[in-house]
Amino acid sequence: MPASAPTSTPRPVALVTGASSGIGEALAHCFAQAGHDLVLVARSADKLQALAQALAARHGVRAWVEPADLSQPGAAAALAATLKRRRRAVDVLVNNAGVLEQGAFARMAPAAQQQIIDLNISGLTAMLAQFVPPMAARGAGRVLNVASIAAFQPVPTLATYAASKAYVLSLTESLAEELQGSGVSVTALCPGITATGMLSSAREANAQLGRIPGFLIGDVDDVARQGFEACMKGEVICVPGVINRAAMLASRSTPKWLVRRISGALGRQAL
């Protein structure tokens, strides 16, 4: 059941994965404030229920909770089938669900590497495969894929994570071109270091990360707002923060071998 009573005028529906905390939760508030009903997806049903109630109380929208582990094969298809059965068309798909594991590749458990791939790559791709075709058939829709500033360069100690986000960025850019003129836009949000629970967990695992200067850490609400605005404008790439944008431009204009050397020198200091 929705978290608030339905209204006579249908609202657009935004589906947000990884909505239980961090950037996903902040994005859910952005879309709700703009008048979207929400489908909230994450593994934690309790956190999603609390968010649904908060969105209904604060913004007067409906929010449906759909707990799911999108790293599991078939999860995206099952979610799409559930929404189709309930006649809830998705106008905006926000692929925010993701996992980060920090540390030396050779010392990381194979299962941890696979988890990153299963959620950040396979889960995201499966969601796109389920929800983009209906958007294209209707001639309208928006997609916001949450990537990372790490997508633009190799990052030692975040090797698999950075590679997974490079995949997200490349796929977004390809689909944005492929879907031109279809009425469907695809945006990649590429935040830098952001004050979320993911950062707190990484700091607990590596004390070196506690030395990151405060001015390099983005505010989660600001990051979400910029991502929301870019999505609604149909922009292809959104990199919040002046320093992050400068780093992105530098990485794209600097020879690959030099980017590798600089990233390697900085990354080895974190080990």
C-alpha atoms as a PDB file:
ATOM      1  CA  MET A   1       0.000   0.000   0.000  1.00  0.00           C
ATOM      2  CA  PRO A   2       1.171   3.569  -0.650  1.00  0.00           C
ATOM      3  CA  ALA A   3       2.380   5.657   2.259  1.00  0.00           C
ATOM      4  CA  SER A   4      -0.316   8.277   1.651  1.00  0.00           C
ATOM      5  CA  ALA A   5      -3.754   8.476   0.076  1.00  0.00           C
ATOM      6  CA  PRO A   6      -3.828   8.570  -3.737  1.00  0.00           C
ATOM      7  CA  THR A   7      -4.664  11.791  -5.560  1.00  0.00           C
ATOM      8  CA  SER A   8      -6.922  12.234  -8.602  1.00  0.00           C
ATOM      9  CA  THR A   9      -4.108  13.532 -10.838  1.00  0.00           C
ATOM     10  CA  PRO A  10      -1.476  10.914 -11.675  1.00  0.00           C
ATOM     11  CA  ARG A  11       2.058  11.960 -10.881  1.00  0.00           C
ATOM     12  CA  PRO A  12       5.165  10.793 -12.727  1.00  0.00           C
ATOM     13  CA  VAL A  13       6.821   7.838 -11.029  1.00  0.00           C
ATOM     14  CA  ALA A  14      10.539   7.675 -10.211  1.00  0.00           C
ATOM     15  CA  LEU A  15      12.089   4.337  -9.304  1.00  0.00           C
ATOM     16  CA  VAL A  16      15.167   4.774  -7.100  1.00  0.00           C
ATOM     17  CA  THR A  17      17.472   1.857  -6.327  1.00  0.00           C
ATOM     18  CA  GLY A  18      19.758   1.966  -3.319  1.00  0.00           C
ATOM     19  CA  ALA A  19      17.202   4.336  -1.813  1.00  0.00           C
ATOM     20  CA  SER A  20      17.645   3.364   1.834  1.00  0.00           C
ATOM     21  CA  SER A  21      20.564   5.748   2.518  1.00  0.00           C
ATOM     22  CA  GLY A  22      23.141   8.139   1.102  1.00  0.00           C
ATOM     23  CA  ILE A  23      22.785   9.589  -2.384  1.00  0.00           C
ATOM     24  CA  GLY A  24      19.818   7.353  -3.154  1.00  0.00           C
ATOM     25  CA  GLU A  25      17.826   8.621  -0.191  1.00  0.00           C
ATOM     26  CA  ALA A  26      18.717  12.226  -1.043  1.00  0.00           C
ATOM     27  CA  LEU A  27      17.671  11.691  -4.666  1.00  0.00           C
ATOM     28  CA  ALA A  28      14.340  10.252  -3.512  1.00  0.00           C
ATOM     29  CA  HIS A  29      13.689  13.502  -1.637  1.00  0.00           C
ATOM     30  CA  CYS A  30      14.620  15.543  -4.734  1.00  0.00           C
ATOM     31  CA  PHE A  31      12.144  13.696  -6.935  1.00  0.00           C
ATOM     32  CA  ALA A  32       9.429  13.779  -4.270  1.00  0.00           C
ATOM     33  CA  GLN A  33       9.876  17.516  -3.806  1.00  0.00           C
ATOM     34  CA  ALA A  34       9.440  17.928  -7.561  1.00  0.00           C
ATOM     35  CA  GLY A  35       6.117  16.062  -7.429  1.00  0.00           C
ATOM     36  CA  HIS A  36       7.081  12.492  -8.327  1.00  0.00           C
ATOM     37  CA  ASP A  37       5.635   9.430  -6.713  1.00  0.00           C
ATOM     38  CA  LEU A  38       8.367   6.953  -5.772  1.00  0.00           C
ATOM     39  CA  VAL A  39       9.146   3.275  -6.033  1.00  0.00           C
ATOM     40  CA  LEU A  40      11.858   2.685  -3.435  1.00  0.00           C
ATOM     41  CA  VAL A  41      14.189  -0.266  -3.918  1.00  0.00           C
ATOM     42  CA  ALA A  42      16.933  -1.590  -1.632  1.00  0.00           C
ATOM     43  CA  ARG A  43      17.589  -4.670   0.483  1.00  0.00           C
ATOM     44  CA  SER A  44      16.425  -3.123   3.781  1.00  0.00           C
ATOM     45  CA  ALA A  45      12.622  -3.089   3.965  1.00  0.00           C
ATOM     46  CA  ASP A  46      12.580  -1.316   7.341  1.00  0.00           C
ATOM     47  CA  LYS A  47      14.688   1.608   6.115  1.00  0.00           C
ATOM     48  CA  LEU A  48      12.595   1.906   2.961  1.00  0.00           C
ATOM     49  CA  GLN A  49       9.359   1.963   4.960  1.00  0.00           C
ATOM     50  CA  ALA A  50      10.712   4.766   7.149  1.00  0.00           C
ATOM     51  CA  LEU A  51      11.753   6.727   4.055  1.00  0.00           C
ATOM     52  CA  ALA A  52       8.363   6.171   2.391  1.00  0.00           C
ATOM     53  CA  GLN A  53       6.607   7.594   5.438  1.00  0.00           C
ATOM     54  CA  ALA A  54       8.976  10.582   5.540  1.00  0.00           C
ATOM     55  CA  LEU A  55       8.423  11.338   1.849  1.00  0.00           C
ATOM     56  CA  ALA A  56       4.653  11.147   2.243  1.00  0.00           C
ATOM     57  CA  ALA A  57       4.674  13.396   5.303  1.00  0.00           C
ATOM     58  CA  ARG A  58       7.098  15.978   3.921  1.00  0.00           C
ATOM     59  CA  HIS A  59       6.140  16.120   0.253  1.00  0.00           C
ATOM     60  CA  GLY A  60       2.626  14.676   0.066  1.00  0.00           C
ATOM     61  CA  VAL A  61       3.539  12.020  -2.489  1.00  0.00           C
ATOM     62  CA  ARG A  62       2.978   8.284  -2.644  1.00  0.00           C
ATOM     63  CA  ALA A  63       5.917   5.965  -2.081  1.00  0.00           C
ATOM     64  CA  TRP A  64       5.853   2.223  -2.640  1.00  0.00           C
ATOM     65  CA  VAL A  65       8.438  -0.061  -1.061  1.00  0.00           C
ATOM     66  CA  GLU A  66       9.895  -2.916  -3.118  1.00  0.00           C
ATOM     67  CA  PRO A  67      12.718  -4.687  -1.230  1.00  0.00           C
ATOM     68  CA  ALA A  68      15.135  -6.435  -3.591  1.00  0.00           C
ATOM     69  CA  ASP A  69      18.748  -7.507  -3.870  1.00  0.00           C
ATOM     70  CA  LEU A  70      19.603  -6.408  -7.396  1.00  0.00           C
ATOM     71  CA  SER A  71      22.906  -8.262  -7.356  1.00  0.00           C
ATOM     72  CA  GLN A  72      20.932 -11.508  -7.675  1.00  0.00           C
ATOM     73  CA  PRO A  73      20.162 -12.922 -11.138  1.00  0.00           C
ATOM     74  CA  GLY A  74      16.523 -12.345 -12.070  1.00  0.00           C
ATOM     75  CA  ALA A  75      15.917  -9.646  -9.436  1.00  0.00           C
ATOM     76  CA  ALA A  76      15.422  -6.838 -11.971  1.00  0.00           C
ATOM     77  CA  ALA A  77      13.076  -8.965 -14.062  1.00  0.00           C
ATOM     78  CA  ALA A  78      11.037  -9.897 -10.987  1.00  0.00           C
ATOM     79  CA  LEU A  79      10.770  -6.238  -9.967  1.00  0.00           C
ATOM     80  CA  ALA A  80       9.673  -5.189 -13.456  1.00  0.00           C
ATOM     81  CA  ALA A  81       7.053  -7.964 -13.511  1.00  0.00           C
ATOM     82  CA  THR A  82       5.698  -6.861 -10.128  1.00  0.00           C
ATOM     83  CA  LEU A  83       5.347  -3.255 -11.241  1.00  0.00           C
ATOM     84  CA  LYS A  84       3.742  -4.267 -14.534  1.00  0.00           C
ATOM     85  CA  ARG A  85       1.227  -6.418 -12.661  1.00  0.00           C
ATOM     86  CA  ARG A  86       0.421  -3.435 -10.450  1.00  0.00           C
ATOM     87  CA  ARG A  87       0.230  -1.126 -13.488  1.00  0.00           C
ATOM     88  CA  ARG A  88       2.944   1.220 -12.281  1.00  0.00           C
ATOM     89  CA  ALA A  89       4.795   2.599 -15.259  1.00  0.00           C
ATOM     90  CA  VAL A  90       8.220   4.030 -14.437  1.00  0.00           C
ATOM     91  CA  ASP A  91       8.890   7.496 -15.856  1.00  0.00           C
ATOM     92  CA  VAL A  92      12.325   7.951 -14.280  1.00  0.00           C
ATOM     93  CA  LEU A  93      14.779   5.162 -13.477  1.00  0.00           C
ATOM     94  CA  VAL A  94      17.509   6.031 -10.963  1.00  0.00           C
ATOM     95  CA  ASN A  95      20.226   3.374 -10.835  1.00  0.00           C
ATOM     96  CA  ASN A  96      21.964   4.259  -7.590  1.00  0.00           C
ATOM     97  CA  ALA A  97      22.450   0.853  -5.954  1.00  0.00           C
ATOM     98  CA  GLY A  98      26.134   0.044  -5.708  1.00  0.00           C
ATOM     99  CA  VAL A  99      28.856  -1.310  -3.484  1.00  0.00           C
ATOM    100  CA  LEU A 100      32.434  -0.220  -2.818  1.00  0.00           C
ATOM    101  CA  GLU A 101      35.286  -2.332  -1.489  1.00  0.00           C
ATOM    102  CA  GLN A 102      38.578  -0.559  -0.770  1.00  0.00           C
ATOM    103  CA  GLY A 103      41.947  -2.273  -0.572  1.00  0.00           C
ATOM    104  CA  ALA A 104      44.708  -3.966  -2.533  1.00  0.00           C
ATOM    105  CA  PHE A 105      43.304  -6.197  -5.274  1.00  0.00           C
ATOM    106  CA  ALA A 106      45.647  -9.100  -4.416  1.00  0.00           C
ATOM    107  CA  ARG A 107      44.482  -9.089  -0.797  1.00  0.00           C
ATOM    108  CA  MET A 108      40.775  -8.815  -1.493  1.00  0.00           C
ATOM    109  CA  ALA A 109      38.550 -11.877  -1.350  1.00  0.00           C
ATOM    110  CA  PRO A 110      37.302 -13.044  -4.761  1.00  0.00           C
ATOM    111  CA  ALA A 111      33.734 -12.908  -3.449  1.00  0.00           C
ATOM    112  CA  ALA A 112      34.126  -9.190  -2.680  1.00  0.00           C
ATOM    113  CA  GLN A 113      35.325  -8.544  -6.239  1.00  0.00           C
ATOM    114  CA  GLN A 114      32.393 -10.480  -7.651  1.00  0.00           C
ATOM    115  CA  GLN A 115      29.898  -8.613  -5.477  1.00  0.00           C
ATOM    116  CA  ILE A 116      31.015  -5.312  -7.005  1.00  0.00           C
ATOM    117  CA  ILE A 117      30.563  -6.704 -10.504  1.00  0.00           C
ATOM    118  CA  ASP A 118      27.219  -8.352  -9.722  1.00  0.00           C
ATOM    119  CA  LEU A 119      25.624  -5.164  -8.394  1.00  0.00           C
ATOM    120  CA  ASN A 120      27.456  -2.242 -10.012  1.00  0.00           C
ATOM    121  CA  ILE A 121      27.553  -3.791 -13.495  1.00  0.00           C
ATOM    122  CA  SER A 122      25.188  -6.756 -13.843  1.00  0.00           C
ATOM    123  CA  GLY A 123      22.408  -5.387 -11.640  1.00  0.00           C
ATOM    124  CA  LEU A 124      22.473  -1.951 -13.257  1.00  0.00           C
ATOM    125  CA  THR A 125      22.501  -3.410 -16.768  1.00  0.00           C
ATOM    126  CA  ALA A 126      19.584  -5.686 -15.942  1.00  0.00           C
ATOM    127  CA  MET A 127      17.554  -2.721 -14.667  1.00  0.00           C
ATOM    128  CA  LEU A 128      18.235  -0.807 -17.870  1.00  0.00           C
ATOM    129  CA  ALA A 129      17.266  -3.837 -19.956  1.00  0.00           C
ATOM    130  CA  GLN A 130      13.930  -4.091 -18.136  1.00  0.00           C
ATOM    131  CA  PHE A 131      12.899  -0.441 -17.965  1.00  0.00           C
ATOM    132  CA  VAL A 132      14.432   1.374 -20.959  1.00  0.00           C
ATOM    133  CA  PRO A 133      12.531  -0.553 -23.672  1.00  0.00           C
ATOM    134  CA  PRO A 134       9.086   0.429 -22.274  1.00  0.00           C
ATOM    135  CA  MET A 135      10.260   4.064 -22.058  1.00  0.00           C
ATOM    136  CA  ALA A 136      11.415   3.977 -25.668  1.00  0.00           C
ATOM    137  CA  ALA A 137       8.110   2.383 -26.711  1.00  0.00           C
ATOM    138  CA  ARG A 138       6.183   5.209 -24.987  1.00  0.00           C
ATOM    139  CA  GLY A 139       8.549   7.834 -26.398  1.00  0.00           C
ATOM    140  CA  ALA A 140       9.276   9.331 -22.979  1.00  0.00           C
ATOM    141  CA  GLY A 141      11.470   8.635 -19.977  1.00  0.00           C
ATOM    142  CA  ARG A 142      14.585   9.577 -18.074  1.00  0.00           C
ATOM    143  CA  VAL A 143      17.429   7.513 -16.658  1.00  0.00           C
ATOM    144  CA  LEU A 144      19.954   8.599 -14.039  1.00  0.00           C
ATOM    145  CA  ASN A 145      22.887   6.229 -13.564  1.00  0.00           C
ATOM    146  CA  VAL A 146      25.056   6.990 -10.538  1.00  0.00           C
ATOM    147  CA  ALA A 147      28.676   6.469 -11.563  1.00  0.00           C
ATOM    148  CA  SER A 148      31.667   8.145  -9.879  1.00  0.00           C
ATOM    149  CA  ILE A 149      34.570  10.481 -10.527  1.00  0.00           C
ATOM    150  CA  ALA A 150      36.570   7.243 -10.334  1.00  0.00           C
ATOM    151  CA  ALA A 151      35.118   6.375 -13.758  1.00  0.00           C
ATOM    152  CA  PHE A 152      37.554   8.771 -15.432  1.00  0.00           C
ATOM    153  CA  GLN A 153      40.852   7.290 -14.286  1.00  0.00           C
ATOM    154  CA  PRO A 154      42.398   4.128 -12.811  1.00  0.00           C
ATOM    155  CA  VAL A 155      42.283   4.099  -9.009  1.00  0.00           C
ATOM    156  CA  PRO A 156      44.672   1.701  -7.220  1.00  0.00           C
ATOM    157  CA  THR A 157      43.017   0.271  -4.076  1.00  0.00           C
ATOM    158  CA  LEU A 158      39.648   0.789  -5.805  1.00  0.00           C
ATOM    159  CA  ALA A 159      40.525  -1.098  -8.974  1.00  0.00           C
ATOM    160  CA  THR A 160      37.357  -3.145  -9.474  1.00  0.00           C
ATOM    161  CA  TYR A 161      35.082  -0.391  -8.199  1.00  0.00           C
ATOM    162  CA  ALA A 162      36.632   2.207 -10.522  1.00  0.00           C
ATOM    163  CA  ALA A 163      36.394  -0.209 -13.445  1.00  0.00           C
ATOM    164  CA  SER A 164      32.734  -0.859 -12.664  1.00  0.00           C
ATOM    165  CA  LYS A 165      31.986   2.862 -12.674  1.00  0.00           C
ATOM    166  CA  ALA A 166      33.899   3.318 -15.938  1.00  0.00           C
ATOM    167  CA  TYR A 167      31.502   0.723 -17.358  1.00  0.00           C
ATOM    168  CA  VAL A 168      28.515   2.701 -16.055  1.00  0.00           C
ATOM    169  CA  LEU A 169      29.828   5.917 -17.611  1.00  0.00           C
ATOM    170  CA  SER A 170      30.596   4.283 -20.972  1.00  0.00           C
ATOM    171  CA  LEU A 171      27.201   2.566 -21.108  1.00  0.00           C
ATOM    172  CA  THR A 172      25.453   5.835 -20.241  1.00  0.00           C
ATOM    173  CA  GLU A 173      27.220   7.757 -22.987  1.00  0.00           C
ATOM    174  CA  SER A 174      26.484   5.020 -25.530  1.00  0.00           C
ATOM    175  CA  LEU A 175      22.791   4.852 -24.628  1.00  0.00           C
ATOM    176  CA  ALA A 176      22.461   8.643 -24.596  1.00  0.00           C
ATOM    177  CA  GLU A 177      23.579   8.685 -28.230  1.00  0.00           C
ATOM    178  CA  GLU A 178      21.600   5.604 -29.208  1.00  0.00           C
ATOM    179  CA  LEU A 179      18.380   7.025 -27.758  1.00  0.00           C
ATOM    180  CA  GLN A 180      18.673  10.517 -29.219  1.00  0.00           C
ATOM    181  CA  GLY A 181      15.328  11.560 -30.648  1.00  0.00           C
ATOM    182  CA  SER A 182      13.475   8.779 -28.834  1.00  0.00           C
ATOM    183  CA  GLY A 183      12.200  10.946 -25.981  1.00  0.00           C
ATOM    184  CA  VAL A 184      14.391   9.046 -23.497  1.00  0.00           C
ATOM    185  CA  SER A 185      17.408  10.737 -21.910  1.00  0.00           C
ATOM    186  CA  VAL A 186      20.241   9.018 -20.052  1.00  0.00           C
ATOM    187  CA  THR A 187      22.445  10.827 -17.515  1.00  0.00           C
ATOM    188  CA  ALA A 188      25.515   9.751 -15.556  1.00  0.00           C
ATOM    189  CA  LEU A 189      26.019  11.365 -12.152  1.00  0.00           C
ATOM    190  CA  CYS A 190      29.738  11.212 -11.320  1.00  0.00           C
ATOM    191  CA  PRO A 191      30.232  12.436  -7.749  1.00  0.00           C
ATOM    192  CA  GLY A 192      33.564  12.636  -6.026  1.00  0.00           C
ATOM    193  CA  ILE A 193      34.064  11.692  -2.385  1.00  0.00           C
ATOM    194  CA  THR A 194      30.707  12.284  -0.719  1.00  0.00           C
ATOM    195  CA  ALA A 195      29.692  12.286   2.947  1.00  0.00           C
ATOM    196  CA  THR A 196      27.675   9.042   3.048  1.00  0.00           C
ATOM    197  CA  GLY A 197      27.669   5.809   4.999  1.00  0.00           C
ATOM    198  CA  MET A 198      29.821   4.282   2.262  1.00  0.00           C
ATOM    199  CA  LEU A 199      32.589   6.770   3.056  1.00  0.00           C
ATOM    200  CA  SER A 200      32.285   6.061   6.778  1.00  0.00           C
ATOM    201  CA  SER A 201      32.662   2.320   6.155  1.00  0.00           C
ATOM    202  CA  ALA A 202      35.696   2.883   3.939  1.00  0.00           C
ATOM    203  CA  ARG A 203      37.316   5.032   6.646  1.00  0.00           C
ATOM    204  CA  GLU A 204      36.786   2.298   9.206  1.00  0.00           C
ATOM    205  CA  ALA A 205      38.567  -0.141   6.907  1.00  0.00           C
ATOM    206  CA  ASN A 206      41.449   2.220   6.114  1.00  0.00           C
ATOM    207  CA  ALA A 207      42.567   4.900   8.587  1.00  0.00           C
ATOM    208  CA  GLN A 208      44.469   6.693   5.803  1.00  0.00           C
ATOM    209  CA  LEU A 209      41.135   7.862   4.386  1.00  0.00           C
ATOM    210  CA  GLY A 210      40.558   9.876   7.546  1.00  0.00           C
ATOM    211  CA  ARG A 211      43.194  12.300   6.301  1.00  0.00           C
ATOM    212  CA  ILE A 212      41.072  13.461   3.353  1.00  0.00           C
ATOM    213  CA  PRO A 213      40.640  17.265   3.638  1.00  0.00           C
ATOM    214  CA  GLY A 214      37.103  18.366   4.349  1.00  0.00           C
ATOM    215  CA  PHE A 215      36.907  20.597   1.272  1.00  0.00           C
ATOM    216  CA  LEU A 216      37.252  17.488  -0.937  1.00  0.00           C
ATOM    217  CA  ILE A 217      34.178  15.823   0.581  1.00  0.00           C
ATOM    218  CA  GLY A 218      30.888  16.702  -1.100  1.00  0.00           C
ATOM    219  CA  ASP A 219      27.574  17.267   0.662  1.00  0.00           C
ATOM    220  CA  VAL A 220      25.175  14.444  -0.160  1.00  0.00           C
ATOM    221  CA  ASP A 221      22.134  16.715  -0.591  1.00  0.00           C
ATOM    222  CA  ASP A 222      24.018  19.030  -2.951  1.00  0.00           C
ATOM    223  CA  VAL A 223      25.311  16.094  -4.996  1.00  0.00           C
ATOM    224  CA  ALA A 224      21.788  14.682  -5.276  1.00  0.00           C
ATOM    225  CA  ARG A 225      20.303  18.043  -6.239  1.00  0.00           C
ATOM    226  CA  GLN A 226      22.807  18.515  -9.055  1.00  0.00           C
ATOM    227  CA  GLY A 227      22.189  14.974 -10.280  1.00  0.00           C
ATOM    228  CA  PHE A 228      18.434  15.490 -10.216  1.00  0.00           C
ATOM    229  CA  GLU A 229      18.677  18.757 -12.145  1.00  0.00           C
ATOM    230  CA  ALA A 230      20.994  17.243 -14.755  1.00  0.00           C
ATOM    231  CA  CYS A 231      18.640  14.293 -15.189  1.00  0.00           C
ATOM    232  CA  MET A 232      15.593  16.507 -15.680  1.00  0.00           C
ATOM    233  CA  LYS A 233      17.492  18.637 -18.219  1.00  0.00           C
ATOM    234  CA  GLY A 234      18.621  15.552 -20.105  1.00  0.00           C
ATOM    235  CA  GLU A 235      22.329  16.267 -19.635  1.00  0.00           C
ATOM    236  CA  VAL A 236      24.575  13.278 -20.324  1.00  0.00           C
ATOM    237  CA  ILE A 237      27.300  13.774 -17.682  1.00  0.00           C
ATOM    238  CA  CYS A 238      27.063  15.576 -14.342  1.00  0.00           C
ATOM    239  CA  VAL A 239      30.194  16.002 -12.207  1.00  0.00           C
ATOM    240  CA  PRO A 240      29.344  17.910  -8.998  1.00  0.00           C
ATOM    241  CA  GLY A 241      32.016  20.206  -7.564  1.00  0.00           C
ATOM    242  CA  VAL A 242      34.559  22.507  -9.165  1.00  0.00           C
ATOM    243  CA  ILE A 243      37.549  20.415  -8.060  1.00  0.00           C
ATOM    244  CA  ASN A 244      35.964  17.217  -9.360  1.00  0.00           C
ATOM    245  CA  ARG A 245      35.159  18.827 -12.715  1.00  0.00           C
ATOM    246  CA  ALA A 246      38.739  20.062 -13.001  1.00  0.00           C
ATOM    247  CA  ALA A 247      40.051  16.580 -12.203  1.00  0.00           C
ATOM    248  CA  MET A 248      37.717  15.047 -14.790  1.00  0.00           C
ATOM    249  CA  LEU A 249      38.809  17.456 -17.510  1.00  0.00           C
ATOM    250  CA  ALA A 250      42.466  16.927 -16.618  1.00  0.00           C
ATOM    251  CA  SER A 251      42.116  13.156 -16.766  1.00  0.00           C
ATOM    252  CA  ARG A 252      40.507  13.335 -20.205  1.00  0.00           C
ATOM    253  CA  SER A 253      43.166  15.639 -21.642  1.00  0.00           C
ATOM    254  CA  THR A 254      46.253  14.095 -19.988  1.00  0.00           C
ATOM    255  CA  PRO A 255      48.088  11.177 -21.641  1.00  0.00           C
ATOM    256  CA  LYS A 256      46.928   7.835 -20.262  1.00  0.00           C
ATOM    257  CA  TRP A 257      50.392   6.809 -19.093  1.00  0.00           C
ATOM    258  CA  LEU A 258      50.718   9.962 -16.998  1.00  0.00           C
ATOM    259  CA  VAL A 259      47.244   9.562 -15.483  1.00  0.00           C
ATOM    260  CA  ARG A 260      48.242   6.003 -14.555  1.00  0.00           C
ATOM    261  CA  ARG A 261      51.485   7.119 -12.914  1.00  0.00           C
ATOM    262  CA  ILE A 262      49.823   9.876 -10.890  1.00  0.00           C
ATOM    263  CA  SER A 263      46.945   7.623  -9.801  1.00  0.00           C
ATOM    264  CA  GLY A 264      49.425   4.900  -8.886  1.00  0.00           C
ATOM    265  CA  ALA A 265      51.540   7.205  -6.749  1.00  0.00           C
ATOM    266  CA  LEU A 266      48.506   8.504  -4.874  1.00  0.00           C
ATOM    267  CA  GLY A 267      46.875   5.089  -4.576  1.00  0.00           C
ATOM    268  CA  ARG A 268      49.946   3.406  -3.113  1.00  0.00           C
ATOM    269  CA  GLN A 269      49.943   5.957  -0.302  1.00  0.00           C
ATOM    270  CA  ALA A 270      46.544   4.637   0.757  1.00  0.00           C
ATOM    271  CA  LEU A 271      47.784   1.078   1.187  1.00  0.00           C
END
